[in-house]
Amino acid sequence: MASENQPTLYERLGGVYSIATVVDDLIDRVMGDARLNANPLVDEAHHRVAPAGFKYYVTEMVCGAAGGPQKYTGRSMRDSHQDLRITAGEWEAFLDDSSRHSTSSRCLRRNR
């Protein structure tokens, strides 16, 4: 919770619209990453749902985690990922995508 003098991370990131913009770019990057989609289970999961729906849930989750009023209503991370057999290399590829995105995003650079 933020005090009067210290805004929440959610507020510092610019609220839901700014976060949604960041998530939109990140999910496009992740869903199109050949390193991740080389795993047929991940590739199938990426194409099982519409990107807009996936982006909605990720935005909801990030906003809530950053102190915003949103409550994540999707499946747990464990339930969503346990059957994908994600390797250490695939996890590193995801982190690489996230890092590349965060260094190019002005609001995330300010709030690292």
PDB file of N, CA and C in Angstrom:
ATOM      1  N   MET A   1       0.842  -1.180   0.000  1.00  0.00           N
ATOM      2  CA  MET A   1       0.000   0.000   0.000  1.00  0.00           C
ATOM      3  C   MET A   1       0.886   1.242   0.000  1.00  0.00           C
ATOM      4  N   ALA A   2       0.534   2.221  -0.778  1.00  0.00           N
ATOM      5  CA  ALA A   2       1.329   3.438  -0.878  1.00  0.00           C
ATOM      6  C   ALA A   2       0.867   4.464   0.141  1.00  0.00           C
ATOM      7  N   SER A   3       1.806   5.242   0.619  1.00  0.00           N
ATOM      8  CA  SER A   3       1.456   6.340   1.506  1.00  0.00           C
ATOM      9  C   SER A   3       1.125   7.553   0.646  1.00  0.00           C
ATOM     10  N   GLU A   4       0.742   8.647   1.317  1.00  0.00           N
ATOM     11  CA  GLU A   4       0.451   9.876   0.569  1.00  0.00           C
ATOM     12  C   GLU A   4       1.658  10.330  -0.232  1.00  0.00           C
ATOM     13  N   ASN A   5       2.852  10.099   0.291  1.00  0.00           N
ATOM     14  CA  ASN A   5       4.067  10.580  -0.363  1.00  0.00           C
ATOM     15  C   ASN A   5       4.651   9.580  -1.346  1.00  0.00           C
ATOM     16  N   GLN A   6       4.240   8.340  -1.258  1.00  0.00           N
ATOM     17  CA  GLN A   6       4.809   7.320  -2.138  1.00  0.00           C
ATOM     18  C   GLN A   6       3.703   6.610  -2.904  1.00  0.00           C
ATOM     19  N   PRO A   7       3.652   6.836  -4.205  1.00  0.00           N
ATOM     20  CA  PRO A   7       2.635   6.145  -5.009  1.00  0.00           C
ATOM     21  C   PRO A   7       2.967   4.654  -5.117  1.00  0.00           C
ATOM     22  N   THR A   8       1.950   3.862  -5.385  1.00  0.00           N
ATOM     23  CA  THR A   8       2.149   2.435  -5.591  1.00  0.00           C
ATOM     24  C   THR A   8       2.928   2.208  -6.887  1.00  0.00           C
ATOM     25  N   LEU A   9       3.473   1.032  -7.036  1.00  0.00           N
ATOM     26  CA  LEU A   9       4.129   0.673  -8.295  1.00  0.00           C
ATOM     27  C   LEU A   9       3.127   0.805  -9.440  1.00  0.00           C
ATOM     28  N   TYR A  10       1.911   0.378  -9.214  1.00  0.00           N
ATOM     29  CA  TYR A  10       0.842   0.502 -10.213  1.00  0.00           C
ATOM     30  C   TYR A  10       0.719   1.952 -10.675  1.00  0.00           C
ATOM     31  N   GLU A  11       0.697   2.879  -9.740  1.00  0.00           N
ATOM     32  CA  GLU A  11       0.590   4.297 -10.078  1.00  0.00           C
ATOM     33  C   GLU A  11       1.847   4.793 -10.792  1.00  0.00           C
ATOM     34  N   ARG A  12       3.009   4.364 -10.312  1.00  0.00           N
ATOM     35  CA  ARG A  12       4.265   4.787 -10.944  1.00  0.00           C
ATOM     36  C   ARG A  12       4.384   4.264 -12.367  1.00  0.00           C
ATOM     37  N   LEU A  13       3.804   3.108 -12.635  1.00  0.00           N
ATOM     38  CA  LEU A  13       3.839   2.547 -13.989  1.00  0.00           C
ATOM     39  C   LEU A  13       2.820   3.206 -14.911  1.00  0.00           C
ATOM     40  N   GLY A  14       1.935   4.004 -14.353  1.00  0.00           N
ATOM     41  CA  GLY A  14       0.977   4.732 -15.174  1.00  0.00           C
ATOM     42  C   GLY A  14      -0.409   4.128 -15.216  1.00  0.00           C
ATOM     43  N   GLY A  15      -0.672   3.133 -14.360  1.00  0.00           N
ATOM     44  CA  GLY A  15      -2.004   2.538 -14.313  1.00  0.00           C
ATOM     45  C   GLY A  15      -2.237   1.505 -15.398  1.00  0.00           C
ATOM     46  N   VAL A  16      -3.481   1.109 -15.513  1.00  0.00           N
ATOM     47  CA  VAL A  16      -3.846  -0.023 -16.362  1.00  0.00           C
ATOM     48  C   VAL A  16      -3.510   0.200 -17.842  1.00  0.00           C
ATOM     49  N   TYR A  17      -3.694   1.407 -18.348  1.00  0.00           N
ATOM     50  CA  TYR A  17      -3.452   1.621 -19.782  1.00  0.00           C
ATOM     51  C   TYR A  17      -1.976   1.495 -20.134  1.00  0.00           C
ATOM     52  N   SER A  18      -1.127   2.045 -19.297  1.00  0.00           N
ATOM     53  CA  SER A  18       0.317   1.921 -19.543  1.00  0.00           C
ATOM     54  C   SER A  18       0.770   0.481 -19.385  1.00  0.00           C
ATOM     55  N   ILE A  19       0.275  -0.187 -18.363  1.00  0.00           N
ATOM     56  CA  ILE A  19       0.641  -1.591 -18.139  1.00  0.00           C
ATOM     57  C   ILE A  19       0.143  -2.442 -19.296  1.00  0.00           C
ATOM     58  N   ALA A  20      -1.072  -2.202 -19.758  1.00  0.00           N
ATOM     59  CA  ALA A  20      -1.619  -2.974 -20.883  1.00  0.00           C
ATOM     60  C   ALA A  20      -0.783  -2.789 -22.142  1.00  0.00           C
ATOM     61  N   THR A  21      -0.250  -1.600 -22.355  1.00  0.00           N
ATOM     62  CA  THR A  21       0.608  -1.342 -23.511  1.00  0.00           C
ATOM     63  C   THR A  21       1.885  -2.163 -23.425  1.00  0.00           C
ATOM     64  N   VAL A  22       2.474  -2.207 -22.243  1.00  0.00           N
ATOM     65  CA  VAL A  22       3.691  -2.993 -22.026  1.00  0.00           C
ATOM     66  C   VAL A  22       3.397  -4.475 -22.223  1.00  0.00           C
ATOM     67  N   VAL A  23       2.309  -4.956 -21.639  1.00  0.00           N
ATOM     68  CA  VAL A  23       1.938  -6.375 -21.754  1.00  0.00           C
ATOM     69  C   VAL A  23       1.661  -6.732 -23.207  1.00  0.00           C
ATOM     70  N   ASP A  24       0.996  -5.864 -23.935  1.00  0.00           N
ATOM     71  CA  ASP A  24       0.691  -6.115 -25.343  1.00  0.00           C
ATOM     72  C   ASP A  24       1.967  -6.416 -26.129  1.00  0.00           C
ATOM     73  N   ASP A  25       2.971  -5.584 -25.953  1.00  0.00           N
ATOM     74  CA  ASP A  25       4.238  -5.781 -26.652  1.00  0.00           C
ATOM     75  C   ASP A  25       4.955  -7.038 -26.164  1.00  0.00           C
ATOM     76  N   LEU A  26       4.983  -7.235 -24.851  1.00  0.00           N
ATOM     77  CA  LEU A  26       5.666  -8.405 -24.300  1.00  0.00           C
ATOM     78  C   LEU A  26       5.043  -9.705 -24.794  1.00  0.00           C
ATOM     79  N   ILE A  27       3.741  -9.796 -24.750  1.00  0.00           N
ATOM     80  CA  ILE A  27       3.078 -11.041 -25.165  1.00  0.00           C
ATOM     81  C   ILE A  27       3.277 -11.283 -26.657  1.00  0.00           C
ATOM     82  N   ASP A  28       3.247 -10.240 -27.470  1.00  0.00           N
ATOM     83  CA  ASP A  28       3.550 -10.428 -28.899  1.00  0.00           C
ATOM     84  C   ASP A  28       4.950 -11.006 -29.065  1.00  0.00           C
ATOM     85  N   ARG A  29       5.884 -10.499 -28.292  1.00  0.00           N
ATOM     86  CA  ARG A  29       7.275 -10.971 -28.367  1.00  0.00           C
ATOM     87  C   ARG A  29       7.372 -12.434 -27.916  1.00  0.00           C
ATOM     88  N   VAL A  30       6.748 -12.759 -26.803  1.00  0.00           N
ATOM     89  CA  VAL A  30       6.824 -14.111 -26.235  1.00  0.00           C
ATOM     90  C   VAL A  30       6.119 -15.124 -27.140  1.00  0.00           C
ATOM     91  N   MET A  31       4.916 -14.773 -27.597  1.00  0.00           N
ATOM     92  CA  MET A  31       4.151 -15.723 -28.405  1.00  0.00           C
ATOM     93  C   MET A  31       4.792 -15.989 -29.763  1.00  0.00           C
ATOM     94  N   GLY A  32       5.618 -15.066 -30.231  1.00  0.00           N
ATOM     95  CA  GLY A  32       6.285 -15.263 -31.514  1.00  0.00           C
ATOM     96  C   GLY A  32       7.714 -15.732 -31.409  1.00  0.00           C
ATOM     97  N   ASP A  33       8.173 -16.013 -30.196  1.00  0.00           N
ATOM     98  CA  ASP A  33       9.572 -16.392 -29.988  1.00  0.00           C
ATOM     99  C   ASP A  33       9.799 -17.846 -30.417  1.00  0.00           C
ATOM    100  N   ALA A  34      10.591 -18.024 -31.453  1.00  0.00           N
ATOM    101  CA  ALA A  34      10.868 -19.373 -31.982  1.00  0.00           C
ATOM    102  C   ALA A  34      11.554 -20.256 -30.946  1.00  0.00           C
ATOM    103  N   ARG A  35      12.326 -19.659 -30.047  1.00  0.00           N
ATOM    104  CA  ARG A  35      12.992 -20.447 -29.000  1.00  0.00           C
ATOM    105  C   ARG A  35      11.961 -21.086 -28.080  1.00  0.00           C
ATOM    106  N   LEU A  36      10.886 -20.379 -27.795  1.00  0.00           N
ATOM    107  CA  LEU A  36       9.830 -20.925 -26.941  1.00  0.00           C
ATOM    108  C   LEU A  36       8.936 -21.872 -27.727  1.00  0.00           C
ATOM    109  N   ASN A  37       8.601 -21.490 -28.951  1.00  0.00           N
ATOM    110  CA  ASN A  37       7.689 -22.289 -29.757  1.00  0.00           C
ATOM    111  C   ASN A  37       8.330 -23.557 -30.320  1.00  0.00           C
ATOM    112  N   ALA A  38       9.636 -23.719 -30.116  1.00  0.00           N
ATOM    113  CA  ALA A  38      10.282 -24.981 -30.497  1.00  0.00           C
ATOM    114  C   ALA A  38       9.767 -26.123 -29.624  1.00  0.00           C
ATOM    115  N   ASN A  39       9.293 -25.799 -28.431  1.00  0.00           N
ATOM    116  CA  ASN A  39       8.648 -26.781 -27.562  1.00  0.00           C
ATOM    117  C   ASN A  39       7.212 -26.918 -28.069  1.00  0.00           C
ATOM    118  N   PRO A  40       6.833 -28.086 -28.613  1.00  0.00           N
ATOM    119  CA  PRO A  40       5.496 -28.222 -29.202  1.00  0.00           C
ATOM    120  C   PRO A  40       4.373 -27.988 -28.196  1.00  0.00           C
ATOM    121  N   LEU A  41       4.617 -28.260 -26.922  1.00  0.00           N
ATOM    122  CA  LEU A  41       3.581 -28.027 -25.910  1.00  0.00           C
ATOM    123  C   LEU A  41       3.371 -26.529 -25.683  1.00  0.00           C
ATOM    124  N   VAL A  42       4.447 -25.784 -25.684  1.00  0.00           N
ATOM    125  CA  VAL A  42       4.354 -24.323 -25.541  1.00  0.00           C
ATOM    126  C   VAL A  42       3.720 -23.731 -26.795  1.00  0.00           C
ATOM    127  N   ASP A  43       4.165 -24.183 -27.959  1.00  0.00           N
ATOM    128  CA  ASP A  43       3.611 -23.684 -29.217  1.00  0.00           C
ATOM    129  C   ASP A  43       2.102 -23.909 -29.263  1.00  0.00           C
ATOM    130  N   GLU A  44       1.670 -25.090 -28.884  1.00  0.00           N
ATOM    131  CA  GLU A  44       0.228 -25.396 -28.883  1.00  0.00           C
ATOM    132  C   GLU A  44      -0.502 -24.506 -27.889  1.00  0.00           C
ATOM    133  N   ALA A  45       0.073 -24.299 -26.712  1.00  0.00           N
ATOM    134  CA  ALA A  45      -0.553 -23.441 -25.698  1.00  0.00           C
ATOM    135  C   ALA A  45      -0.653 -21.998 -26.193  1.00  0.00           C
ATOM    136  N   HIS A  46       0.377 -21.535 -26.894  1.00  0.00           N
ATOM    137  CA  HIS A  46       0.359 -20.172 -27.423  1.00  0.00           C
ATOM    138  C   HIS A  46      -0.736 -19.987 -28.468  1.00  0.00           C
ATOM    139  N   HIS A  47      -1.090 -21.043 -29.159  1.00  0.00           N
ATOM    140  CA  HIS A  47      -2.076 -20.926 -30.227  1.00  0.00           C
ATOM    141  C   HIS A  47      -3.454 -21.458 -29.834  1.00  0.00           C
ATOM    142  N   ARG A  48      -3.585 -21.913 -28.615  1.00  0.00           N
ATOM    143  CA  ARG A  48      -4.871 -22.428 -28.117  1.00  0.00           C
ATOM    144  C   ARG A  48      -5.811 -21.283 -27.736  1.00  0.00           C
ATOM    145  N   VAL A  49      -5.258 -20.174 -27.324  1.00  0.00           N
ATOM    146  CA  VAL A  49      -6.060 -19.036 -26.885  1.00  0.00           C
ATOM    147  C   VAL A  49      -5.784 -17.831 -27.776  1.00  0.00           C
ATOM    148  N   ALA A  50      -6.766 -16.976 -27.888  1.00  0.00           N
ATOM    149  CA  ALA A  50      -6.577 -15.744 -28.660  1.00  0.00           C
ATOM    150  C   ALA A  50      -5.600 -14.837 -27.920  1.00  0.00           C
ATOM    151  N   PRO A  51      -4.669 -14.219 -28.636  1.00  0.00           N
ATOM    152  CA  PRO A  51      -3.713 -13.329 -27.971  1.00  0.00           C
ATOM    153  C   PRO A  51      -4.382 -12.257 -27.100  1.00  0.00           C
ATOM    154  N   ALA A  52      -5.509 -11.718 -27.547  1.00  0.00           N
ATOM    155  CA  ALA A  52      -6.183 -10.668 -26.764  1.00  0.00           C
ATOM    156  C   ALA A  52      -6.616 -11.185 -25.392  1.00  0.00           C
ATOM    157  N   GLY A  53      -7.105 -12.406 -25.339  1.00  0.00           N
ATOM    158  CA  GLY A  53      -7.513 -12.981 -24.054  1.00  0.00           C
ATOM    159  C   GLY A  53      -6.324 -13.223 -23.146  1.00  0.00           C
ATOM    160  N   PHE A  54      -5.240 -13.716 -23.721  1.00  0.00           N
ATOM    161  CA  PHE A  54      -4.017 -13.963 -22.959  1.00  0.00           C
ATOM    162  C   PHE A  54      -3.488 -12.642 -22.405  1.00  0.00           C
ATOM    163  N   LYS A  55      -3.485 -11.611 -23.245  1.00  0.00           N
ATOM    164  CA  LYS A  55      -3.008 -10.290 -22.819  1.00  0.00           C
ATOM    165  C   LYS A  55      -3.880  -9.731 -21.702  1.00  0.00           C
ATOM    166  N   TYR A  56      -5.186  -9.986 -21.788  1.00  0.00           N
ATOM    167  CA  TYR A  56      -6.090  -9.514 -20.737  1.00  0.00           C
ATOM    168  C   TYR A  56      -5.696 -10.100 -19.383  1.00  0.00           C
ATOM    169  N   TYR A  57      -5.516 -11.421 -19.338  1.00  0.00           N
ATOM    170  CA  TYR A  57      -5.171 -12.065 -18.073  1.00  0.00           C
ATOM    171  C   TYR A  57      -3.819 -11.607 -17.537  1.00  0.00           C
ATOM    172  N   VAL A  58      -2.843 -11.458 -18.422  1.00  0.00           N
ATOM    173  CA  VAL A  58      -1.520 -11.012 -17.966  1.00  0.00           C
ATOM    174  C   VAL A  58      -1.608  -9.577 -17.453  1.00  0.00           C
ATOM    175  N   THR A  59      -2.355  -8.722 -18.146  1.00  0.00           N
ATOM    176  CA  THR A  59      -2.539  -7.348 -17.675  1.00  0.00           C
ATOM    177  C   THR A  59      -3.213  -7.335 -16.311  1.00  0.00           C
ATOM    178  N   GLU A  60      -4.236  -8.116 -16.155  1.00  0.00           N
ATOM    179  CA  GLU A  60      -4.957  -8.219 -14.887  1.00  0.00           C
ATOM    180  C   GLU A  60      -4.012  -8.655 -13.763  1.00  0.00           C
ATOM    181  N   MET A  61      -3.186  -9.658 -14.048  1.00  0.00           N
ATOM    182  CA  MET A  61      -2.253 -10.181 -13.054  1.00  0.00           C
ATOM    183  C   MET A  61      -1.195  -9.147 -12.676  1.00  0.00           C
ATOM    184  N   VAL A  62      -0.597  -8.500 -13.682  1.00  0.00           N
ATOM    185  CA  VAL A  62       0.450  -7.513 -13.415  1.00  0.00           C
ATOM    186  C   VAL A  62      -0.127  -6.318 -12.645  1.00  0.00           C
ATOM    187  N   CYS A  63      -1.288  -5.848 -13.060  1.00  0.00           N
ATOM    188  CA  CYS A  63      -1.908  -4.717 -12.362  1.00  0.00           C
ATOM    189  C   CYS A  63      -2.156  -5.046 -10.892  1.00  0.00           C
ATOM    190  N   GLY A  64      -2.732  -6.197 -10.621  1.00  0.00           N
ATOM    191  CA  GLY A  64      -2.988  -6.591  -9.237  1.00  0.00           C
ATOM    192  C   GLY A  64      -1.705  -6.741  -8.442  1.00  0.00           C
ATOM    193  N   ALA A  65      -0.695  -7.342  -9.043  1.00  0.00           N
ATOM    194  CA  ALA A  65       0.584  -7.548  -8.357  1.00  0.00           C
ATOM    195  C   ALA A  65       1.298  -6.232  -8.088  1.00  0.00           C
ATOM    196  N   ALA A  66       1.034  -5.217  -8.919  1.00  0.00           N
ATOM    197  CA  ALA A  66       1.685  -3.920  -8.769  1.00  0.00           C
ATOM    198  C   ALA A  66       0.929  -2.993  -7.810  1.00  0.00           C
ATOM    199  N   GLY A  67      -0.160  -3.492  -7.247  1.00  0.00           N
ATOM    200  CA  GLY A  67      -0.908  -2.684  -6.282  1.00  0.00           C
ATOM    201  C   GLY A  67      -2.143  -2.014  -6.839  1.00  0.00           C
ATOM    202  N   GLY A  68      -2.534  -2.386  -8.043  1.00  0.00           N
ATOM    203  CA  GLY A  68      -3.743  -1.819  -8.636  1.00  0.00           C
ATOM    204  C   GLY A  68      -4.989  -2.512  -8.123  1.00  0.00           C
ATOM    205  N   PRO A  69      -6.152  -2.026  -8.512  1.00  0.00           N
ATOM    206  CA  PRO A  69      -7.410  -2.590  -8.017  1.00  0.00           C
ATOM    207  C   PRO A  69      -7.823  -3.898  -8.696  1.00  0.00           C
ATOM    208  N   GLN A  70      -7.144  -4.274  -9.771  1.00  0.00           N
ATOM    209  CA  GLN A  70      -7.516  -5.477 -10.505  1.00  0.00           C
ATOM    210  C   GLN A  70      -7.207  -6.728  -9.679  1.00  0.00           C
ATOM    211  N   LYS A  71      -8.056  -7.730  -9.850  1.00  0.00           N
ATOM    212  CA  LYS A  71      -7.854  -9.039  -9.227  1.00  0.00           C
ATOM    213  C   LYS A  71      -7.692 -10.057 -10.350  1.00  0.00           C
ATOM    214  N   TYR A  72      -6.633 -10.840 -10.277  1.00  0.00           N
ATOM    215  CA  TYR A  72      -6.375 -11.853 -11.300  1.00  0.00           C
ATOM    216  C   TYR A  72      -7.428 -12.942 -11.204  1.00  0.00           C
ATOM    217  N   THR A  73      -8.074 -13.237 -12.326  1.00  0.00           N
ATOM    218  CA  THR A  73      -9.155 -14.222 -12.346  1.00  0.00           C
ATOM    219  C   THR A  73      -8.815 -15.448 -13.195  1.00  0.00           C
ATOM    220  N   GLY A  74      -7.588 -15.520 -13.690  1.00  0.00           N
ATOM    221  CA  GLY A  74      -7.177 -16.649 -14.523  1.00  0.00           C
ATOM    222  C   GLY A  74      -6.749 -17.848 -13.690  1.00  0.00           C
ATOM    223  N   ARG A  75      -6.271 -18.843 -14.390  1.00  0.00           N
ATOM    224  CA  ARG A  75      -5.762 -20.058 -13.733  1.00  0.00           C
ATOM    225  C   ARG A  75      -4.459 -19.742 -13.010  1.00  0.00           C
ATOM    226  N   SER A  76      -4.131 -20.553 -12.029  1.00  0.00           N
ATOM    227  CA  SER A  76      -2.871 -20.354 -11.317  1.00  0.00           C
ATOM    228  C   SER A  76      -1.702 -20.577 -12.284  1.00  0.00           C
ATOM    229  N   MET A  77      -0.570 -19.969 -11.964  1.00  0.00           N
ATOM    230  CA  MET A  77       0.615 -20.147 -12.802  1.00  0.00           C
ATOM    231  C   MET A  77       1.013 -21.622 -12.840  1.00  0.00           C
ATOM    232  N   ARG A  78       0.884 -22.291 -11.728  1.00  0.00           N
ATOM    233  CA  ARG A  78       1.206 -23.724 -11.694  1.00  0.00           C
ATOM    234  C   ARG A  78       0.292 -24.501 -12.639  1.00  0.00           C
ATOM    235  N   ASP A  79      -1.011 -24.279 -12.526  1.00  0.00           N
ATOM    236  CA  ASP A  79      -1.955 -24.991 -13.393  1.00  0.00           C
ATOM    237  C   ASP A  79      -1.743 -24.645 -14.867  1.00  0.00           C
ATOM    238  N   SER A  80      -1.375 -23.403 -15.137  1.00  0.00           N
ATOM    239  CA  SER A  80      -1.196 -22.965 -16.521  1.00  0.00           C
ATOM    240  C   SER A  80       0.060 -23.518 -17.175  1.00  0.00           C
ATOM    241  N   HIS A  81       1.077 -23.832 -16.375  1.00  0.00           N
ATOM    242  CA  HIS A  81       2.380 -24.181 -16.941  1.00  0.00           C
ATOM    243  C   HIS A  81       2.888 -25.583 -16.615  1.00  0.00           C
ATOM    244  N   GLN A  82       2.244 -26.286 -15.707  1.00  0.00           N
ATOM    245  CA  GLN A  82       2.813 -27.547 -15.219  1.00  0.00           C
ATOM    246  C   GLN A  82       2.955 -28.628 -16.290  1.00  0.00           C
ATOM    247  N   ASP A  83       2.112 -28.617 -17.287  1.00  0.00           N
ATOM    248  CA  ASP A  83       2.179 -29.672 -18.306  1.00  0.00           C
ATOM    249  C   ASP A  83       2.960 -29.258 -19.560  1.00  0.00           C
ATOM    250  N   LEU A  84       3.608 -28.098 -19.529  1.00  0.00           N
ATOM    251  CA  LEU A  84       4.297 -27.600 -20.713  1.00  0.00           C
ATOM    252  C   LEU A  84       5.742 -28.077 -20.819  1.00  0.00           C
ATOM    253  N   ARG A  85       6.240 -28.703 -19.777  1.00  0.00           N
ATOM    254  CA  ARG A  85       7.622 -29.211 -19.772  1.00  0.00           C
ATOM    255  C   ARG A  85       8.621 -28.141 -20.204  1.00  0.00           C
ATOM    256  N   ILE A  86       8.510 -26.993 -19.589  1.00  0.00           N
ATOM    257  CA  ILE A  86       9.390 -25.859 -19.907  1.00  0.00           C
ATOM    258  C   ILE A  86      10.792 -26.160 -19.404  1.00  0.00           C
ATOM    259  N   THR A  87      11.742 -26.024 -20.287  1.00  0.00           N
ATOM    260  CA  THR A  87      13.137 -26.291 -19.943  1.00  0.00           C
ATOM    261  C   THR A  87      13.794 -25.036 -19.369  1.00  0.00           C
ATOM    262  N   ALA A  88      14.971 -25.218 -18.793  1.00  0.00           N
ATOM    263  CA  ALA A  88      15.726 -24.079 -18.286  1.00  0.00           C
ATOM    264  C   ALA A  88      16.045 -23.108 -19.430  1.00  0.00           C
ATOM    265  N   GLY A  89      16.346 -23.633 -20.603  1.00  0.00           N
ATOM    266  CA  GLY A  89      16.639 -22.784 -21.756  1.00  0.00           C
ATOM    267  C   GLY A  89      15.429 -21.973 -22.203  1.00  0.00           C
ATOM    268  N   GLU A  90      14.270 -22.590 -22.150  1.00  0.00           N
ATOM    269  CA  GLU A  90      13.042 -21.870 -22.515  1.00  0.00           C
ATOM    270  C   GLU A  90      12.726 -20.790 -21.481  1.00  0.00           C
ATOM    271  N   TRP A  91      12.951 -21.095 -20.206  1.00  0.00           N
ATOM    272  CA  TRP A  91      12.753 -20.095 -19.163  1.00  0.00           C
ATOM    273  C   TRP A  91      13.709 -18.917 -19.396  1.00  0.00           C
ATOM    274  N   GLU A  92      14.957 -19.221 -19.747  1.00  0.00           N
ATOM    275  CA  GLU A  92      15.928 -18.169 -20.033  1.00  0.00           C
ATOM    276  C   GLU A  92      15.491 -17.342 -21.240  1.00  0.00           C
ATOM    277  N   ALA A  93      14.908 -17.990 -22.245  1.00  0.00           N
ATOM    278  CA  ALA A  93      14.410 -17.268 -23.425  1.00  0.00           C
ATOM    279  C   ALA A  93      13.284 -16.317 -23.017  1.00  0.00           C
ATOM    280  N   PHE A  94      12.388 -16.785 -22.149  1.00  0.00           N
ATOM    281  CA  PHE A  94      11.315 -15.916 -21.655  1.00  0.00           C
ATOM    282  C   PHE A  94      11.897 -14.722 -20.893  1.00  0.00           C
ATOM    283  N   LEU A  95      12.859 -14.989 -20.018  1.00  0.00           N
ATOM    284  CA  LEU A  95      13.490 -13.906 -19.265  1.00  0.00           C
ATOM    285  C   LEU A  95      14.191 -12.928 -20.204  1.00  0.00           C
ATOM    286  N   ASP A  96      14.803 -13.452 -21.261  1.00  0.00           N
ATOM    287  CA  ASP A  96      15.451 -12.607 -22.260  1.00  0.00           C
ATOM    288  C   ASP A  96      14.422 -11.703 -22.933  1.00  0.00           C
ATOM    289  N   ASP A  97      13.285 -12.277 -23.333  1.00  0.00           N
ATOM    290  CA  ASP A  97      12.219 -11.476 -23.942  1.00  0.00           C
ATOM    291  C   ASP A  97      11.741 -10.401 -22.974  1.00  0.00           C
ATOM    292  N   SER A  98      11.564 -10.767 -21.723  1.00  0.00           N
ATOM    293  CA  SER A  98      11.098  -9.818 -20.705  1.00  0.00           C
ATOM    294  C   SER A  98      12.117  -8.715 -20.489  1.00  0.00           C
ATOM    295  N   SER A  99      13.379  -9.095 -20.417  1.00  0.00           N
ATOM    296  CA  SER A  99      14.443  -8.123 -20.193  1.00  0.00           C
ATOM    297  C   SER A  99      14.570  -7.174 -21.379  1.00  0.00           C
ATOM    298  N   ARG A 100      14.521  -7.714 -22.575  1.00  0.00           N
ATOM    299  CA  ARG A 100      14.601  -6.872 -23.773  1.00  0.00           C
ATOM    300  C   ARG A 100      13.460  -5.879 -23.790  1.00  0.00           C
ATOM    301  N   HIS A 101      12.309  -6.367 -23.393  1.00  0.00           N
ATOM    302  CA  HIS A 101      11.151  -5.482 -23.376  1.00  0.00           C
ATOM    303  C   HIS A 101      11.301  -4.416 -22.296  1.00  0.00           C
ATOM    304  N   SER A 102      11.680  -4.826 -21.105  1.00  0.00           N
ATOM    305  CA  SER A 102      11.725  -3.870 -19.995  1.00  0.00           C
ATOM    306  C   SER A 102      12.778  -2.801 -20.215  1.00  0.00           C
ATOM    307  N   THR A 103      13.862  -3.136 -20.899  1.00  0.00           N
ATOM    308  CA  THR A 103      14.882  -2.117 -21.144  1.00  0.00           C
ATOM    309  C   THR A 103      14.448  -1.156 -22.245  1.00  0.00           C
ATOM    310  N   SER A 104      13.485  -1.570 -23.072  1.00  0.00           N
ATOM    311  CA  SER A 104      13.012  -0.671 -24.120  1.00  0.00           C
ATOM    312  C   SER A 104      11.766   0.099 -23.694  1.00  0.00           C
ATOM    313  N   SER A 105      11.215  -0.237 -22.555  1.00  0.00           N
ATOM    314  CA  SER A 105       9.997   0.412 -22.091  1.00  0.00           C
ATOM    315  C   SER A 105      10.327   1.501 -21.082  1.00  0.00           C
ATOM    316  N   ARG A 106       9.988   2.713 -21.404  1.00  0.00           N
ATOM    317  CA  ARG A 106      10.331   3.845 -20.547  1.00  0.00           C
ATOM    318  C   ARG A 106       9.757   3.694 -19.144  1.00  0.00           C
ATOM    319  N   CYS A 107       8.508   3.262 -19.014  1.00  0.00           N
ATOM    320  CA  CYS A 107       7.918   3.179 -17.675  1.00  0.00           C
ATOM    321  C   CYS A 107       8.584   2.095 -16.845  1.00  0.00           C
ATOM    322  N   LEU A 108       9.021   1.011 -17.465  1.00  0.00           N
ATOM    323  CA  LEU A 108       9.704  -0.023 -16.690  1.00  0.00           C
ATOM    324  C   LEU A 108      11.127   0.381 -16.358  1.00  0.00           C
ATOM    325  N   ARG A 109      11.783   1.091 -17.264  1.00  0.00           N
ATOM    326  CA  ARG A 109      13.151   1.555 -16.961  1.00  0.00           C
ATOM    327  C   ARG A 109      13.141   2.448 -15.730  1.00  0.00           C
ATOM    328  N   ARG A 110      12.141   3.317 -15.616  1.00  0.00           N
ATOM    329  CA  ARG A 110      12.045   4.227 -14.479  1.00  0.00           C
ATOM    330  C   ARG A 110      11.800   3.495 -13.179  1.00  0.00           C
ATOM    331  N   ASN A 111      11.158   2.329 -13.233  1.00  0.00           N
ATOM    332  CA  ASN A 111      10.682   1.679 -12.015  1.00  0.00           C
ATOM    333  C   ASN A 111      11.316   0.329 -11.747  1.00  0.00           C
ATOM    334  N   ARG A 112      12.470   0.070 -12.307  1.00  0.00           N
ATOM    335  CA  ARG A 112      13.169  -1.196 -12.081  1.00  0.00           C
ATOM    336  C   ARG A 112      13.570  -1.331 -10.660  1.00  0.00           C
TER     337      ARG A 112
END
